[in-house]
Amino acid sequence: TTLSNTLWREFCILTGKALDAEFAENEMSTNDFASHTPKAISKEGITDDVTRGTVDVDASHSFESATGVAHCNLYRQYYFRNPCVPTDFSSINEALKNCPRTRSSIARDLGDDATFYSDTGTVVLLPGVYQEHVCVSGDAWDVGQSFEKAICIRAAFPDSVHGAATICSPQEEAIQDQPCISISTCDSDILEGAQKAISVRLSHLRVLHSSQGADIWGGNTAISVEGPKAHASIDSCIFQSDSGRGLVVSSQAVCELYRTNISNCAATGFYLGDWGSRARISGCNIVRNGFGSRRLLSHSTNIEAHTRMLEQGLPLPRDHLPNLGAVPPGHSGVYVESSLCWIDDSLIAGNSLTGLSVVRGGFV
Protein backbone atom coordinates (compact mmCIF):
# COMPACT_ATOMS: atom_id res chain seq x y z
CA THR A 1 0.00 0.00 0.00
CA THR A 2 0.98 3.65 -0.32
CA LEU A 3 1.09 4.06 3.46
CA SER A 4 3.36 1.04 3.88
CA ASN A 5 5.64 2.28 1.11
CA THR A 6 5.90 5.68 2.79
CA LEU A 7 6.73 4.14 6.18
CA TRP A 8 9.48 1.94 4.78
CA ARG A 9 10.86 4.93 2.92
CA GLU A 10 11.04 6.83 6.23
CA PHE A 11 12.75 3.84 7.86
CA CYS A 12 15.40 3.92 5.11
CA ILE A 13 15.99 7.65 5.62
CA LEU A 14 16.07 7.47 9.46
CA THR A 15 18.70 4.71 9.41
CA GLY A 16 20.80 6.44 6.77
CA LYS A 17 20.16 3.78 4.13
CA ALA A 18 18.65 6.41 1.85
CA LEU A 19 19.28 10.14 1.66
CA ASP A 20 16.53 12.71 1.90
CA ALA A 21 16.20 15.55 -0.56
CA GLU A 22 17.67 18.17 1.79
CA PHE A 23 20.90 16.22 2.22
CA ALA A 24 21.07 15.30 -1.45
CA GLU A 25 21.34 19.01 -2.24
CA ASN A 26 24.36 19.32 0.06
CA GLU A 27 27.52 19.64 -2.04
CA MET A 28 29.46 17.52 0.47
CA SER A 29 27.38 14.49 -0.42
CA THR A 30 27.89 14.61 -4.16
CA ASN A 31 31.48 13.39 -3.96
CA ASP A 32 30.45 10.15 -2.34
CA PHE A 33 27.07 9.28 -3.77
CA ALA A 34 27.22 10.71 -7.28
CA SER A 35 28.48 7.35 -8.56
CA HIS A 36 25.41 5.57 -7.17
CA THR A 37 23.26 6.46 -10.18
CA PRO A 38 21.83 2.98 -10.90
CA LYS A 39 18.66 2.85 -8.83
CA ALA A 40 18.83 -0.91 -8.47
CA ILE A 41 16.65 -2.52 -5.85
CA SER A 42 16.90 -6.20 -5.00
CA LYS A 43 14.07 -8.63 -4.37
CA GLU A 44 14.85 -9.05 -0.68
CA GLY A 45 12.49 -10.84 1.64
CA ILE A 46 10.75 -13.06 -0.98
CA THR A 47 12.84 -16.23 -0.82
CA ASP A 48 15.95 -17.24 1.10
CA ASP A 49 18.06 -17.26 -2.04
CA VAL A 50 16.92 -13.81 -3.03
CA THR A 51 17.41 -12.51 0.49
CA ARG A 52 21.03 -13.69 0.42
CA GLY A 53 21.55 -11.93 -2.89
CA THR A 54 22.32 -15.11 -4.85
CA VAL A 55 19.48 -15.01 -7.34
CA ASP A 56 19.15 -12.53 -10.17
CA VAL A 57 15.70 -11.52 -11.34
CA ASP A 58 15.80 -9.88 -14.74
CA ALA A 59 12.36 -8.38 -14.94
CA SER A 60 9.76 -7.41 -12.38
CA HIS A 61 6.91 -8.59 -14.59
CA SER A 62 8.27 -12.11 -14.92
CA PHE A 63 8.92 -12.15 -11.18
CA GLU A 64 5.35 -11.22 -10.40
CA SER A 65 3.91 -13.79 -12.80
CA ALA A 66 6.13 -16.54 -11.37
CA THR A 67 5.50 -15.81 -7.69
CA GLY A 68 2.15 -14.11 -7.70
CA VAL A 69 3.57 -11.39 -5.43
CA ALA A 70 2.86 -7.82 -6.39
CA HIS A 71 6.04 -5.83 -6.84
CA CYS A 72 5.00 -2.75 -4.90
CA ASN A 73 7.06 -2.28 -1.72
CA LEU A 74 10.55 -1.67 -3.02
CA TYR A 75 11.54 0.38 0.01
CA ARG A 76 11.06 -2.63 2.26
CA GLN A 77 13.22 -4.74 -0.05
CA TYR A 78 15.88 -2.04 -0.15
CA TYR A 79 15.82 -1.78 3.66
CA PHE A 80 16.61 -5.48 4.13
CA ARG A 81 19.31 -5.42 1.46
CA ASN A 82 21.33 -2.81 3.37
CA PRO A 83 21.81 -3.72 7.07
CA CYS A 84 22.28 -0.95 9.62
CA VAL A 85 24.56 -1.23 12.67
CA PRO A 86 23.55 -1.32 15.49
CA THR A 87 19.85 -1.17 14.57
CA ASP A 88 19.70 -4.39 12.54
CA PHE A 89 22.88 -6.10 13.79
CA SER A 90 25.01 -5.52 16.87
CA SER A 91 28.38 -5.63 15.09
CA ILE A 92 29.89 -4.78 11.70
CA ASN A 93 31.16 -8.32 11.13
CA GLU A 94 27.71 -9.77 11.79
CA ALA A 95 26.17 -7.32 9.33
CA LEU A 96 28.78 -8.26 6.70
CA LYS A 97 27.75 -11.91 6.97
CA ASN A 98 24.15 -10.99 6.15
CA CYS A 99 24.75 -8.35 3.50
CA PRO A 100 24.41 -9.50 -0.15
CA ARG A 101 27.55 -9.11 -2.24
CA THR A 102 25.92 -9.51 -5.63
CA ARG A 103 24.84 -6.52 -7.64
CA SER A 104 21.12 -6.04 -8.00
CA SER A 105 19.82 -6.66 -11.52
CA ILE A 106 16.61 -4.69 -11.00
CA ALA A 107 17.17 -1.25 -12.51
CA ARG A 108 13.78 0.13 -11.70
CA ASP A 109 13.41 3.80 -10.83
CA LEU A 110 11.07 4.39 -7.92
CA GLY A 111 10.23 7.80 -9.33
CA ASP A 112 11.46 9.49 -6.17
CA ASP A 113 14.25 12.03 -6.67
CA ALA A 114 14.66 12.44 -2.91
CA THR A 115 16.81 9.32 -2.53
CA PHE A 116 19.91 7.74 -4.04
CA TYR A 117 20.44 3.99 -4.27
CA SER A 118 23.49 1.75 -4.46
CA ASP A 119 23.51 -1.30 -6.71
CA THR A 120 25.63 -3.22 -4.16
CA GLY A 121 24.84 -4.33 -0.63
CA THR A 122 25.80 -1.65 1.90
CA VAL A 123 26.54 -1.86 5.62
CA VAL A 124 25.40 1.44 7.13
CA LEU A 125 26.94 2.64 10.41
CA LEU A 126 25.03 4.99 12.68
CA PRO A 127 27.09 7.68 14.49
CA GLY A 128 29.16 6.12 17.26
CA VAL A 129 32.34 4.22 18.10
CA TYR A 130 32.70 0.59 17.02
CA GLN A 131 35.45 -1.43 18.71
CA GLU A 132 36.14 -4.50 16.59
CA HIS A 133 38.43 -6.04 14.03
CA VAL A 134 36.54 -5.87 10.73
CA CYS A 135 37.39 -8.71 8.34
CA VAL A 136 36.20 -8.82 4.73
CA SER A 137 37.24 -11.99 2.91
CA GLY A 138 37.00 -12.76 -0.77
CA ASP A 139 34.44 -14.98 -2.47
CA ALA A 140 35.19 -17.75 -4.94
CA TRP A 141 36.01 -16.43 -8.40
CA ASP A 142 36.07 -18.45 -11.62
CA VAL A 143 38.20 -17.75 -14.66
CA GLY A 144 36.09 -15.86 -17.19
CA GLN A 145 33.77 -14.40 -14.58
CA SER A 146 32.86 -10.89 -15.69
CA PHE A 147 32.08 -9.34 -12.31
CA GLU A 148 33.39 -9.35 -8.76
CA LYS A 149 31.46 -9.64 -5.53
CA ALA A 150 31.17 -6.17 -4.04
CA ILE A 151 30.17 -4.62 -0.74
CA CYS A 152 30.17 -1.15 0.80
CA ILE A 153 30.72 0.09 4.36
CA ARG A 154 29.82 3.72 5.00
CA ALA A 155 28.64 6.16 7.63
CA ALA A 156 24.90 6.65 7.75
CA PHE A 157 25.14 10.43 8.01
CA PRO A 158 28.47 11.66 6.64
CA ASP A 159 27.64 15.32 7.24
CA SER A 160 29.13 16.93 10.35
CA VAL A 161 25.75 17.73 11.86
CA HIS A 162 24.86 14.13 12.67
CA GLY A 163 28.35 12.94 13.59
CA ALA A 164 30.82 10.42 12.23
CA ALA A 165 31.17 6.66 12.46
CA THR A 166 34.45 5.68 14.13
CA ILE A 167 36.02 2.22 13.99
CA CYS A 168 38.80 1.59 16.50
CA SER A 169 40.85 -1.42 17.53
CA PRO A 170 39.69 -3.31 20.63
CA GLN A 171 42.33 -3.29 23.35
CA GLU A 172 43.22 -6.98 23.56
CA GLU A 173 46.69 -7.64 24.92
CA ALA A 174 46.64 -11.27 23.74
CA ILE A 175 46.29 -10.21 20.09
CA GLN A 176 49.26 -8.50 18.49
CA ASP A 177 49.94 -6.87 15.14
CA GLN A 178 46.38 -7.03 13.85
CA PRO A 179 44.79 -4.50 11.47
CA CYS A 180 41.62 -2.67 12.33
CA ILE A 181 40.08 -3.43 8.90
CA SER A 182 41.34 -6.35 6.82
CA ILE A 183 40.36 -6.88 3.16
CA SER A 184 41.93 -10.05 1.82
CA THR A 185 41.57 -12.72 -0.84
CA CYS A 186 44.44 -14.76 0.64
CA ASP A 187 43.56 -17.77 2.78
CA SER A 188 46.20 -19.94 4.38
CA ASP A 189 44.24 -23.10 3.65
CA ILE A 190 43.15 -22.56 0.02
CA LEU A 191 44.56 -24.83 -2.64
CA GLU A 192 47.09 -23.52 -5.12
CA GLY A 193 45.31 -22.22 -8.19
CA ALA A 194 42.07 -21.42 -6.38
CA GLN A 195 41.13 -17.75 -6.63
CA LYS A 196 38.94 -15.38 -4.70
CA ALA A 197 37.82 -11.83 -5.42
CA ILE A 198 36.20 -8.97 -3.55
CA SER A 199 35.58 -5.26 -4.13
CA VAL A 200 35.06 -3.13 -1.03
CA ARG A 201 34.08 0.52 -0.77
CA LEU A 202 34.80 2.45 2.44
CA SER A 203 33.18 5.86 2.73
CA HIS A 204 33.14 8.61 5.40
CA LEU A 205 34.74 6.50 8.13
CA ARG A 206 37.22 7.42 10.86
CA VAL A 207 39.58 4.54 11.65
CA LEU A 208 41.71 4.75 14.81
CA HIS A 209 44.17 1.88 15.13
CA SER A 210 46.34 0.77 18.03
CA SER A 211 47.64 -2.77 18.38
CA GLN A 212 50.07 -4.55 20.65
CA GLY A 213 53.38 -5.39 19.02
CA ALA A 214 55.66 -3.61 16.57
CA ASP A 215 55.67 -5.83 13.46
CA ILE A 216 54.68 -3.42 10.69
CA TRP A 217 55.42 -6.17 8.15
CA GLY A 218 53.11 -8.61 9.89
CA GLY A 219 49.79 -6.77 10.08
CA ASN A 220 50.30 -3.81 12.40
CA THR A 221 48.34 -1.34 10.28
CA ALA A 222 45.01 0.44 10.36
CA ILE A 223 43.83 -0.87 6.97
CA SER A 224 45.20 -3.91 5.14
CA VAL A 225 44.32 -4.76 1.52
CA GLU A 226 46.04 -7.85 0.17
CA GLY A 227 45.70 -10.55 -2.43
CA PRO A 228 45.03 -10.87 -6.16
CA LYS A 229 41.63 -9.44 -7.20
CA ALA A 230 41.28 -7.61 -3.90
CA HIS A 231 40.03 -4.11 -4.70
CA ALA A 232 39.35 -1.29 -2.27
CA SER A 233 37.83 2.10 -3.07
CA ILE A 234 38.27 4.51 -0.17
CA ASP A 235 36.56 7.89 -0.15
CA SER A 236 36.45 10.68 2.44
CA CYS A 237 37.97 8.69 5.31
CA ILE A 238 40.44 9.44 8.11
CA PHE A 239 43.10 6.89 9.13
CA GLN A 240 45.40 7.01 12.12
CA SER A 241 47.59 4.31 13.68
CA ASP A 242 49.31 4.81 17.02
CA SER A 243 51.31 1.58 16.64
CA GLY A 244 52.01 0.96 12.94
CA ARG A 245 51.17 1.95 9.37
CA GLY A 246 48.07 3.69 8.13
CA LEU A 247 47.25 1.79 4.92
CA VAL A 248 48.99 -1.25 3.41
CA VAL A 249 48.25 -2.54 -0.10
CA SER A 250 50.17 -5.66 -1.10
CA SER A 251 50.18 -9.01 -2.93
CA GLN A 252 48.73 -7.71 -6.23
CA ALA A 253 45.85 -5.83 -4.61
CA VAL A 254 44.39 -2.62 -6.07
CA CYS A 255 43.38 0.47 -4.10
CA GLU A 256 41.79 3.80 -5.03
CA LEU A 257 42.14 6.56 -2.47
CA TYR A 258 40.06 9.74 -2.79
CA ARG A 259 39.70 12.75 -0.45
CA THR A 260 41.20 10.82 2.48
CA ASN A 261 43.46 11.90 5.35
CA ILE A 262 46.23 9.61 6.64
CA SER A 263 47.96 11.33 9.53
CA ASN A 264 49.81 10.76 12.81
CA CYS A 265 50.71 7.15 12.07
CA ALA A 266 53.63 5.62 13.96
CA ALA A 267 55.16 4.17 10.78
CA THR A 268 54.56 4.74 7.05
CA GLY A 269 51.31 6.45 6.18
CA PHE A 270 50.67 4.50 2.97
CA TYR A 271 52.70 1.44 1.94
CA LEU A 272 52.28 -0.06 -1.55
CA GLY A 273 54.28 -3.20 -2.21
CA ASP A 274 54.76 -6.35 -4.34
CA TRP A 275 54.70 -6.78 -8.11
CA GLY A 276 51.24 -6.33 -9.56
CA SER A 277 49.92 -4.07 -6.80
CA ARG A 278 48.48 -0.75 -7.99
CA ALA A 279 47.06 2.33 -6.36
CA ARG A 280 45.75 5.80 -7.07
CA ILE A 281 45.94 8.68 -4.61
CA SER A 282 43.80 11.69 -5.50
CA GLY A 283 42.91 14.71 -3.40
CA CYS A 284 44.40 13.23 -0.21
CA ASN A 285 46.44 14.52 2.75
CA ILE A 286 49.23 12.24 4.00
CA VAL A 287 50.97 14.20 6.74
CA ARG A 288 52.83 13.85 10.07
CA ASN A 289 53.58 10.12 9.77
CA GLY A 290 56.55 7.99 10.77
CA PHE A 291 57.52 9.49 14.15
CA GLY A 292 57.26 6.25 16.11
CA SER A 293 54.77 4.55 18.40
CA ARG A 294 52.83 6.56 20.94
CA ARG A 295 53.90 4.18 23.71
CA LEU A 296 57.50 5.05 22.86
CA LEU A 297 56.93 8.50 24.33
CA SER A 298 56.36 7.06 27.80
CA HIS A 299 59.51 4.90 27.71
CA SER A 300 62.05 7.19 26.09
CA THR A 301 63.07 10.79 26.65
CA ASN A 302 65.30 10.93 23.59
CA ILE A 303 62.68 11.39 20.86
CA GLU A 304 63.84 14.90 19.99
CA ALA A 305 67.47 13.74 19.91
CA HIS A 306 66.55 10.82 17.66
CA THR A 307 64.66 13.17 15.34
CA ARG A 308 67.69 15.44 15.03
CA MET A 309 69.87 12.42 14.23
CA LEU A 310 67.50 11.45 11.42
CA GLU A 311 67.59 14.96 10.01
CA GLN A 312 71.41 14.85 9.99
CA GLY A 313 71.50 11.44 8.31
CA LEU A 314 73.03 9.68 11.35
CA PRO A 315 72.23 6.05 12.27
CA LEU A 316 69.59 5.65 14.94
CA PRO A 317 70.18 3.34 17.94
CA ARG A 318 67.30 0.87 17.96
CA ASP A 319 68.49 -2.02 20.09
CA HIS A 320 66.22 -1.15 23.01
CA LEU A 321 63.07 -0.50 20.95
CA PRO A 322 61.98 -4.11 20.20
CA ASN A 323 61.94 -4.83 23.92
CA LEU A 324 59.42 -2.03 24.34
CA GLY A 325 57.17 -3.39 21.58
CA ALA A 326 57.34 -0.04 19.84
CA VAL A 327 57.99 1.20 16.29
CA PRO A 328 60.98 3.56 16.10
CA PRO A 329 60.78 6.90 14.26
CA GLY A 330 62.05 7.35 10.71
CA HIS A 331 59.37 6.40 8.15
CA SER A 332 58.02 7.94 4.95
CA GLY A 333 54.61 9.34 4.17
CA VAL A 334 54.20 7.17 1.05
CA TYR A 335 56.42 4.16 0.32
CA VAL A 336 56.12 2.50 -3.10
CA GLU A 337 58.04 -0.76 -3.54
CA SER A 338 57.97 -2.70 -6.82
CA SER A 339 54.51 -1.33 -7.56
CA LEU A 340 52.68 1.24 -9.66
CA CYS A 341 51.07 4.32 -8.12
CA TRP A 342 49.27 7.39 -9.54
CA ILE A 343 49.32 10.50 -7.35
CA ASP A 344 47.56 13.76 -8.13
CA ASP A 345 46.23 16.80 -6.28
CA SER A 346 47.48 15.55 -2.89
CA LEU A 347 49.45 16.98 0.03
CA ILE A 348 52.29 14.77 1.29
CA ALA A 349 54.25 16.74 3.86
CA GLY A 350 55.58 16.87 7.41
CA ASN A 351 56.52 13.17 7.54
CA SER A 352 59.50 11.87 9.51
CA LEU A 353 61.82 10.52 6.78
CA THR A 354 60.63 11.45 3.29
CA GLY A 355 57.33 12.44 1.78
CA LEU A 356 57.59 9.84 -0.99
CA SER A 357 59.99 6.90 -1.33
CA VAL A 358 60.06 4.79 -4.52
CA VAL A 359 62.31 1.70 -4.44
CA ARG A 360 62.98 -1.64 -6.17
CA GLY A 361 61.47 -0.84 -9.54
CA GLY A 362 58.47 1.05 -8.25
CA PHE A 363 56.88 3.66 -10.52
CA VAL A 364 54.97 6.81 -9.64
Foldseek 3Di string as FASTA:
>chain_A
DVVLLVVLVVVCCVLLVKAFQVVVPDPVCCVPQVVLAQAFFFPAPPDPCSQQVNDADQDPVVVCVVPVDDPDRRSVRSDSQEAEPPVRPPAPQVRVVRHHQDFHNHRDDPPDPGTGHHRGHEYEYEADEHADAAEAEFDWDDPPDPDGGEYEYEYSDLDPVRHAYEYEYDDDQVDFQAESYEYEHDDPPDDPPTTTAYEYEYESYEYEYEGFFQPQVRRQEHYEFEAARTEYEYEQYEFEYQAYEHYEYDHQYEYEAYLYEQEHHQAAHYEYDDANYEYEHEQYEQAHYFQKHPVVVVVDPCSVVQLVCLVVVHDHDCPCPNVVRMHHGAHEHYEYANYEYHYDNYHQDHGRHYSYHYDHNYYD
